[in-house]
Every structure is written in structure tokens, then in C-alpha cells.
Amino acid sequence: MTQDLTPKYTVPGIEREAAGQLIGLLRLRLHALNDLHLTLKHVHWNVVGPHFIAVHEMIDPQVDRVRDMADDVAERIAALGGVAQGTPGVLVGERTWDDYSIGRADAIAHLGALDLVYTGVIESVRAAVKEAGDIDPATEDLLIEQLRDLEQFQWFVRAHLESAGGALATARAHTEEEAARAGAS
């Protein structure tokens, strides 16, 4: 059964039903950002090898920005009249993806897996931008801003995985484990 997220009130110029649609869309974005924040910290804590310090230090600003993104999404949900559900149980119960699967591993292996994580997040943000754009330019703008940052973070990750000839080591990977192996090869 689908939960009715129609708020009792919302921002001026948006119908309550449309606000409910946006709230549903943003709930999944909030879950994805909270999950990404935790995944990035997991990588930060479990990266090893000769590229340790470069990756360790590259990840922390991403963690901070993703946390800010989650806060912005939660506040937009509240402004629309919804409830920002940020608890672990709700995240796990409503997410449509599995936990990050790489434990302690070489920096390049983590970056290979993280490339796939970013691809999934970016693809879902792009879909959300399209949906929000039909309803509300303010929500669309919020998501577009986040999309730019997420794409830049993926570019940072991919710079470690790209050959001088422009080939991406993870190009044929379909799972985090495959991407980790491809990145480390």
C-alpha cells in the first residue's frame, strides 16, 4: 500500500497533491543522501594501501557536502508540509538498493565500487530533476545544484580509475565487487 504523503498545507503556488508527490520524491533523495554519507564515511575509515591518504582526504569534503545536501532536502520536505524521515529504520525500510558491499580494501578498489555508487545516485537524481521540474522549479533547482556536486565528486573518483588514453577501468562492471576488482587491476 502506498503511503499518502499529501500535506495539510504547503508552500504558496503548489497544490497539496503536487506537494505530496514532491515529498515522496524527496524522501527517497533524503534516504539516498543519508546512505551515501554513511557509505563515504565507511570508505574513509576502511581504505588502505599506497593511495590511502589521497583517498582518505578526498572523501571528507564529499561527506560534509552530502550531509549538507541531506539537510537541504529534509528542510525542503518540511517547507512543503511533509515530515523528513531521517531514521535508520525508515531508510533501510524504504530504500531500493543494497548496502555497500566492500569492507577493508585498497583505495583503488574502494574507488571502483564508489564509482558505481555515484552512478546509481546520479541517475536517480536526474530522474528526480525531471519529475520535480514538471511541478516546482524551486525543488528542481535544489536537485540540479546537488546533481552538479555529485557529478563533480564522481569525476574526482573516476580520475583515479581512468587511463591516460581515457578508458575507465570500471566501464564494464555491474556490481560493486566487479567494480572494486576492475579498479584494483
Protein backbone atom coordinates (compact mmCIF):
# COMPACT_ATOMS: atom_id res chain seq x y z
CA MET A 1 0.00 0.00 0.00
CA THR A 2 1.36 3.41 -0.96
CA GLN A 3 1.58 5.94 1.84
CA ASP A 4 -0.39 9.16 1.32
CA LEU A 5 2.12 11.97 1.72
CA THR A 6 -0.32 14.79 0.91
CA PRO A 7 0.34 17.51 3.48
CA LYS A 8 -2.36 19.51 5.28
CA TYR A 9 -0.73 22.69 3.94
CA THR A 10 2.15 23.55 1.63
CA VAL A 11 4.02 26.48 0.07
CA PRO A 12 2.01 29.04 -1.89
CA GLY A 13 1.51 28.21 -5.55
CA ILE A 14 1.71 24.41 -5.23
CA GLU A 15 -1.36 22.22 -4.85
CA ARG A 16 -1.35 19.93 -1.82
CA GLU A 17 -1.43 16.79 -4.00
CA ALA A 18 1.55 18.03 -6.03
CA ALA A 19 3.38 18.81 -2.78
CA GLY A 20 2.71 15.22 -1.68
CA GLN A 21 4.28 13.98 -4.90
CA LEU A 22 7.34 16.15 -4.27
CA ILE A 23 7.57 14.96 -0.66
CA GLY A 24 7.58 11.34 -1.85
CA LEU A 25 10.26 12.12 -4.39
CA LEU A 26 12.38 13.96 -1.82
CA ARG A 27 12.01 11.20 0.79
CA LEU A 28 13.92 8.85 -1.49
CA ARG A 29 16.54 11.55 -2.15
CA LEU A 30 16.93 12.01 1.61
CA HIS A 31 17.40 8.27 2.09
CA ALA A 32 19.93 8.13 -0.74
CA LEU A 33 21.93 11.05 0.63
CA ASN A 34 21.94 9.70 4.19
CA ASP A 35 23.06 6.32 2.83
CA LEU A 36 25.73 7.95 0.66
CA HIS A 37 27.04 9.94 3.63
CA LEU A 38 27.44 6.74 5.65
CA THR A 39 28.98 4.89 2.70
CA LEU A 40 31.53 7.64 2.17
CA LYS A 41 32.48 7.55 5.87
CA HIS A 42 32.78 3.76 5.62
CA VAL A 43 35.20 4.16 2.71
CA HIS A 44 37.09 6.86 4.63
CA TRP A 45 37.52 4.50 7.61
CA ASN A 46 38.33 1.33 5.64
CA VAL A 47 40.62 2.47 2.84
CA VAL A 48 44.18 1.10 2.84
CA GLY A 49 47.14 0.90 0.51
CA PRO A 50 49.54 3.28 -1.21
CA HIS A 51 46.80 5.76 -2.17
CA PHE A 52 45.35 5.78 1.35
CA ILE A 53 45.99 9.41 2.29
CA ALA A 54 44.86 10.85 -1.05
CA VAL A 55 41.55 8.99 -0.93
CA HIS A 56 41.11 9.43 2.83
CA GLU A 57 41.46 13.22 2.46
CA MET A 58 39.42 13.41 -0.77
CA ILE A 59 36.41 11.73 0.85
CA ASP A 60 35.88 14.01 3.88
CA PRO A 61 34.78 17.12 1.91
CA GLN A 62 32.38 14.88 -0.01
CA VAL A 63 30.97 13.59 3.29
CA ASP A 64 30.44 17.13 4.53
CA ARG A 65 28.73 18.29 1.34
CA VAL A 66 26.48 15.21 1.14
CA ARG A 67 25.41 15.82 4.76
CA ASP A 68 24.53 19.40 3.80
CA MET A 69 22.58 18.10 0.80
CA ALA A 70 20.57 15.80 3.07
CA ASP A 71 19.81 18.73 5.37
CA ASP A 72 18.65 20.84 2.42
CA VAL A 73 16.36 18.05 1.20
CA ALA A 74 14.94 17.49 4.70
CA GLU A 75 14.24 21.21 5.08
CA ARG A 76 12.53 21.31 1.67
CA ILE A 77 10.31 18.40 2.73
CA ALA A 78 9.36 20.33 5.88
CA ALA A 79 8.71 23.54 3.91
CA LEU A 80 6.37 21.59 1.64
CA GLY A 81 4.44 20.47 4.74
CA GLY A 82 5.87 16.97 4.99
CA VAL A 83 7.82 15.02 7.58
CA ALA A 84 11.52 14.42 6.93
CA GLN A 85 12.04 10.82 8.00
CA GLY A 86 15.75 10.51 8.73
CA THR A 87 15.89 7.47 10.98
CA PRO A 88 17.91 4.38 10.03
CA GLY A 89 14.86 2.11 10.17
CA VAL A 90 12.92 4.22 7.67
CA LEU A 91 15.96 4.49 5.39
CA VAL A 92 16.50 0.73 5.34
CA GLY A 93 12.79 0.01 5.03
CA GLU A 94 12.21 2.34 2.07
CA ARG A 95 15.45 2.21 0.11
CA THR A 96 15.60 0.37 -3.20
CA TRP A 97 19.30 -0.58 -3.13
CA ASP A 98 21.55 -2.86 -1.09
CA ASP A 99 24.20 -1.87 1.46
CA TYR A 100 27.67 -1.02 0.24
CA SER A 101 29.46 -4.33 -0.04
CA ILE A 102 33.19 -3.56 0.22
CA GLY A 103 34.92 -3.76 3.61
CA ARG A 104 38.59 -3.01 4.29
CA ALA A 105 40.16 -2.70 0.85
CA ASP A 106 42.73 -0.97 -1.29
CA ALA A 107 41.96 2.65 -2.11
CA ILE A 108 41.52 1.98 -5.82
CA ALA A 109 39.19 -0.95 -5.14
CA HIS A 110 37.00 1.32 -3.00
CA LEU A 111 37.04 3.99 -5.68
CA GLY A 112 35.96 1.43 -8.27
CA ALA A 113 32.97 0.45 -6.13
CA LEU A 114 32.26 4.08 -5.24
CA ASP A 115 32.10 4.93 -8.95
CA LEU A 116 29.14 2.54 -9.27
CA VAL A 117 27.52 4.01 -6.16
CA TYR A 118 27.79 7.51 -7.61
CA THR A 119 26.37 6.32 -10.93
CA GLY A 120 23.27 4.98 -9.17
CA VAL A 121 22.80 8.12 -7.09
CA ILE A 122 23.32 10.44 -10.07
CA GLU A 123 20.90 8.51 -12.27
CA SER A 124 18.21 8.71 -9.60
CA VAL A 125 18.79 12.44 -9.07
CA ARG A 126 18.46 13.03 -12.82
CA ALA A 127 15.10 11.21 -12.79
CA ALA A 128 14.01 13.27 -9.77
CA VAL A 129 15.01 16.50 -11.53
CA LYS A 130 12.73 15.61 -14.45
CA GLU A 131 9.82 14.76 -12.18
CA ALA A 132 10.24 17.83 -9.95
CA GLY A 133 10.63 20.08 -12.98
CA ASP A 134 7.07 19.35 -14.01
CA ILE A 135 5.80 20.53 -10.61
CA ASP A 136 8.09 23.01 -8.89
CA PRO A 137 11.10 24.99 -10.12
CA ALA A 138 12.43 25.57 -6.57
CA THR A 139 12.66 21.84 -5.85
CA GLU A 140 14.06 21.24 -9.33
CA ASP A 141 16.74 23.89 -8.71
CA LEU A 142 17.72 22.28 -5.39
CA LEU A 143 18.17 18.92 -7.08
CA ILE A 144 20.11 20.40 -10.03
CA GLU A 145 22.56 22.07 -7.65
CA GLN A 146 23.10 18.76 -5.89
CA LEU A 147 23.48 16.94 -9.19
CA ARG A 148 26.36 19.22 -10.20
CA ASP A 149 28.22 18.49 -6.96
CA LEU A 150 27.60 14.74 -7.16
CA GLU A 151 28.86 14.66 -10.75
CA GLN A 152 31.99 16.52 -9.68
CA PHE A 153 32.58 14.03 -6.86
CA GLN A 154 32.25 11.16 -9.33
CA TRP A 155 34.72 12.91 -11.61
CA PHE A 156 37.21 13.06 -8.69
CA VAL A 157 36.71 9.32 -8.12
CA ARG A 158 36.97 8.49 -11.81
CA ALA A 159 40.21 10.45 -12.19
CA HIS A 160 41.84 7.65 -10.17
CA LEU A 161 40.27 4.97 -12.39
CA GLU A 162 40.89 6.46 -15.83
CA SER A 163 43.84 5.52 -18.02
CA ALA A 164 45.89 8.12 -19.87
CA GLY A 165 44.02 7.02 -23.01
CA GLY A 166 40.65 7.84 -21.45
CA ALA A 167 39.48 4.30 -20.65
CA LEU A 168 37.56 3.88 -17.42
CA ALA A 169 38.61 0.75 -15.51
CA THR A 170 35.07 0.20 -14.18
CA ALA A 171 33.28 0.67 -17.51
CA ARG A 172 32.05 -2.94 -17.75
CA ALA A 173 31.33 -3.51 -14.06
CA HIS A 174 27.77 -4.23 -12.95
CA THR A 175 28.32 -4.82 -9.23
CA GLU A 176 30.41 -3.12 -6.57
CA GLU A 177 32.57 -6.23 -6.27
CA GLU A 178 33.24 -6.27 -10.04
CA ALA A 179 33.99 -2.54 -9.97
CA ALA A 180 36.34 -2.96 -7.00
CA ARG A 181 38.23 -5.75 -8.83
CA ALA A 182 38.34 -3.74 -12.08
CA GLY A 183 39.56 -0.62 -10.30
CA ALA A 184 42.30 -2.52 -8.49
CA SER A 185 43.51 -4.37 -11.62
